Amino acid sequence: MILYSIASGSSGNCTYVGSGRTNLLVDAGISAKRIENGLNEIDVKPDTIQGILITHEHSDHVTGLSVLARRYNIPIYATSGTIREIKSLSSAQDIPDELFLPVRPNEPFRINDITIEPFSTSHDAAEPVCYTMQANGYKLGIATDLGMYDDYIVSKLDASD
């Protein structure tokens, strides 16, 4: 698996995760143009992204979401609470409803060959999650805006490569 940070920090977050067969983004907190440029740096075409996993609705995680999702028709995976909050943002009013796919903490799902498990985190957002992903015998975890961690979070990230 490939993990590439396109942006990280209070000015915006976006991470690429790839398996060779599947291309995903975790968060889209910078402009779509900056995300496209970051993907181009690693020779990934934006139109090959098969999903955007959103951790929570704060602007540093969703700034480029609307443009990117609409431009390339990319499904958006997030908890129901996060989806509700994203839909209330003026910048997201034009995202087609069918692009939103709800996920539930502690319920793994698959996108092609990557198994993804969202898990709850403590943050001042509607229903925030972090994610672990497994493919090709590897596990990685992306945990942002934790503020604090506990045994539950450590257990979810345990055995990550």
Protein backbone atom coordinates (compact mmCIF):
# COMPACT_ATOMS: atom_id res chain seq x y z
CA MET A 1 0.00 0.00 0.00
CA ILE A 2 1.05 3.56 -0.65
CA LEU A 3 0.42 6.41 1.76
CA TYR A 4 1.15 9.95 0.58
CA SER A 5 0.36 13.12 2.49
CA ILE A 6 -0.78 15.82 0.09
CA ALA A 7 -1.45 18.26 2.95
CA SER A 8 -1.50 18.04 6.72
CA GLY A 9 -2.19 20.66 9.33
CA SER A 10 -4.59 23.39 10.37
CA SER A 11 -4.47 24.90 6.87
CA GLY A 12 -5.76 21.68 5.28
CA ASN A 13 -5.63 17.89 5.28
CA CYS A 14 -5.61 15.42 2.41
CA THR A 15 -3.98 11.99 2.23
CA TYR A 16 -3.73 9.61 -0.72
CA VAL A 17 -3.95 5.85 -0.07
CA GLY A 18 -3.41 3.37 -2.88
CA SER A 19 -3.14 -0.38 -3.23
CA GLY A 20 -2.11 -0.68 -6.86
CA ARG A 21 -5.74 -1.43 -7.74
CA THR A 22 -7.56 1.15 -5.67
CA ASN A 23 -7.00 4.90 -5.23
CA LEU A 24 -8.55 6.71 -2.26
CA LEU A 25 -8.32 10.04 -0.53
CA VAL A 26 -8.79 10.66 3.16
CA ASP A 27 -10.20 14.17 3.54
CA ALA A 28 -10.14 16.98 0.98
CA GLY A 29 -9.31 20.00 3.10
CA ILE A 30 -7.44 22.00 0.48
CA SER A 31 -8.49 23.26 -2.93
CA ALA A 32 -9.28 20.74 -5.64
CA LYS A 33 -6.43 22.25 -7.69
CA ARG A 34 -3.91 21.59 -4.92
CA ILE A 35 -5.22 18.04 -4.54
CA GLU A 36 -4.94 17.47 -8.30
CA ASN A 37 -1.37 18.84 -8.24
CA GLY A 38 -0.48 16.57 -5.30
CA LEU A 39 -1.85 13.53 -7.10
CA ASN A 40 0.04 14.47 -10.26
CA GLU A 41 3.28 14.51 -8.22
CA ILE A 42 2.82 10.77 -7.60
CA ASP A 43 1.48 9.99 -11.08
CA VAL A 44 -2.10 9.35 -9.96
CA LYS A 45 -4.81 10.73 -12.20
CA PRO A 46 -7.60 12.42 -10.24
CA ASP A 47 -10.24 10.62 -12.33
CA THR A 48 -8.98 7.29 -10.93
CA ILE A 49 -9.89 8.16 -7.32
CA GLN A 50 -12.61 5.71 -6.26
CA GLY A 51 -13.61 7.27 -2.95
CA ILE A 52 -13.03 10.15 -0.55
CA LEU A 53 -13.16 9.15 3.11
CA ILE A 54 -14.08 12.10 5.29
CA THR A 55 -13.07 12.16 8.97
CA HIS A 56 -15.28 15.13 9.91
CA GLU A 57 -16.87 18.28 8.51
CA HIS A 58 -14.42 21.00 9.53
CA SER A 59 -13.18 23.18 6.67
CA ASP A 60 -9.58 21.96 6.93
CA HIS A 61 -10.96 18.52 5.97
CA VAL A 62 -13.61 19.40 3.35
CA THR A 63 -12.57 22.64 1.54
CA GLY A 64 -12.02 20.95 -1.84
CA LEU A 65 -14.61 18.22 -1.43
CA SER A 66 -17.45 19.72 -3.46
CA VAL A 67 -15.40 20.60 -6.53
CA LEU A 68 -13.42 17.36 -6.52
CA ALA A 69 -16.41 15.06 -5.95
CA ARG A 70 -18.52 16.76 -8.63
CA ARG A 71 -15.72 17.13 -11.17
CA TYR A 72 -14.78 13.44 -11.06
CA ASN A 73 -18.03 11.91 -9.73
CA ILE A 74 -16.24 10.49 -6.68
CA PRO A 75 -18.23 8.81 -3.90
CA ILE A 76 -17.91 10.43 -0.46
CA TYR A 77 -17.76 8.10 2.55
CA ALA A 78 -18.56 9.60 5.96
CA THR A 79 -20.71 9.00 9.01
CA SER A 80 -24.34 10.10 8.89
CA GLY A 81 -23.64 12.95 11.30
CA THR A 82 -20.75 14.19 9.19
CA ILE A 83 -22.78 13.91 5.98
CA ARG A 84 -25.59 15.94 7.57
CA GLU A 85 -23.14 18.68 8.55
CA ILE A 86 -21.41 18.71 5.15
CA LYS A 87 -24.77 19.04 3.40
CA SER A 88 -25.53 22.10 5.55
CA LEU A 89 -22.43 23.91 4.26
CA SER A 90 -23.11 26.43 1.50
CA SER A 91 -20.07 25.14 -0.40
CA ALA A 92 -21.56 21.62 -0.54
CA GLN A 93 -25.10 22.40 -1.68
CA ASP A 94 -24.37 21.23 -5.22
CA ILE A 95 -22.98 17.78 -4.35
CA PRO A 96 -25.44 15.16 -5.67
CA ASP A 97 -27.03 13.13 -2.87
CA GLU A 98 -26.08 9.86 -4.56
CA LEU A 99 -22.37 10.61 -4.02
CA PHE A 100 -22.81 10.45 -0.23
CA LEU A 101 -22.36 6.96 1.21
CA PRO A 102 -22.80 6.62 4.98
CA VAL A 103 -20.38 4.56 7.07
CA ARG A 104 -20.66 3.45 10.68
CA PRO A 105 -17.92 3.29 13.29
CA ASN A 106 -16.57 -0.22 13.87
CA GLU A 107 -18.29 -1.59 10.75
CA PRO A 108 -15.67 -2.43 8.12
CA PHE A 109 -16.48 -2.04 4.43
CA ARG A 110 -14.60 -2.56 1.19
CA ILE A 111 -13.71 -0.43 -1.76
CA ASN A 112 -12.32 -2.88 -4.30
CA ASP A 113 -9.38 -4.60 -2.58
CA ILE A 114 -9.07 -2.27 0.42
CA THR A 115 -10.91 -3.09 3.64
CA ILE A 116 -11.66 0.09 5.56
CA GLU A 117 -12.71 0.37 9.18
CA PRO A 118 -13.95 3.69 10.53
CA PHE A 119 -13.59 4.15 14.28
CA SER A 120 -14.90 6.86 16.57
CA THR A 121 -12.73 9.60 17.94
CA SER A 122 -13.19 12.43 20.39
CA HIS A 123 -13.32 15.75 18.54
CA ASP A 124 -15.63 18.77 18.47
CA ALA A 125 -17.48 17.64 15.35
CA ALA A 126 -20.81 15.96 14.58
CA GLU A 127 -19.70 12.32 14.34
CA PRO A 128 -15.95 12.18 13.69
CA VAL A 129 -14.04 9.04 12.78
CA CYS A 130 -10.57 7.96 11.86
CA TYR A 131 -9.80 5.06 9.54
CA THR A 132 -7.68 1.96 9.23
CA MET A 133 -7.19 0.32 5.85
CA GLN A 134 -5.94 -3.12 4.91
CA ALA A 135 -4.82 -4.56 1.59
CA ASN A 136 -2.06 -6.75 0.23
CA GLY A 137 -1.14 -7.94 3.73
CA TYR A 138 -0.55 -4.39 5.04
CA LYS A 139 -2.47 -2.24 7.48
CA LEU A 140 -2.32 1.50 7.83
CA GLY A 141 -4.11 3.92 10.06
CA ILE A 142 -4.97 7.57 9.65
CA ALA A 143 -5.89 9.34 12.86
CA THR A 144 -6.27 13.12 12.82
CA ASP A 145 -7.50 15.77 15.25
CA LEU A 146 -7.45 13.37 18.18
CA GLY A 147 -6.84 15.83 20.98
CA MET A 148 -6.56 12.78 23.21
CA TYR A 149 -6.30 9.05 22.73
CA ASP A 150 -7.35 6.05 24.75
CA ASP A 151 -7.04 2.25 24.72
CA TYR A 152 -9.85 2.00 22.12
CA ILE A 153 -7.96 4.15 19.59
CA VAL A 154 -4.67 2.39 20.32
CA SER A 155 -6.37 -0.98 19.76
CA LYS A 156 -7.75 0.16 16.40
CA LEU A 157 -4.32 1.36 15.25
CA ASP A 158 -2.51 -1.67 16.66
CA ALA A 159 -0.50 -3.73 14.15
CA SER A 160 -0.46 -0.92 11.58
CA ASP A 161 2.50 -0.95 9.24
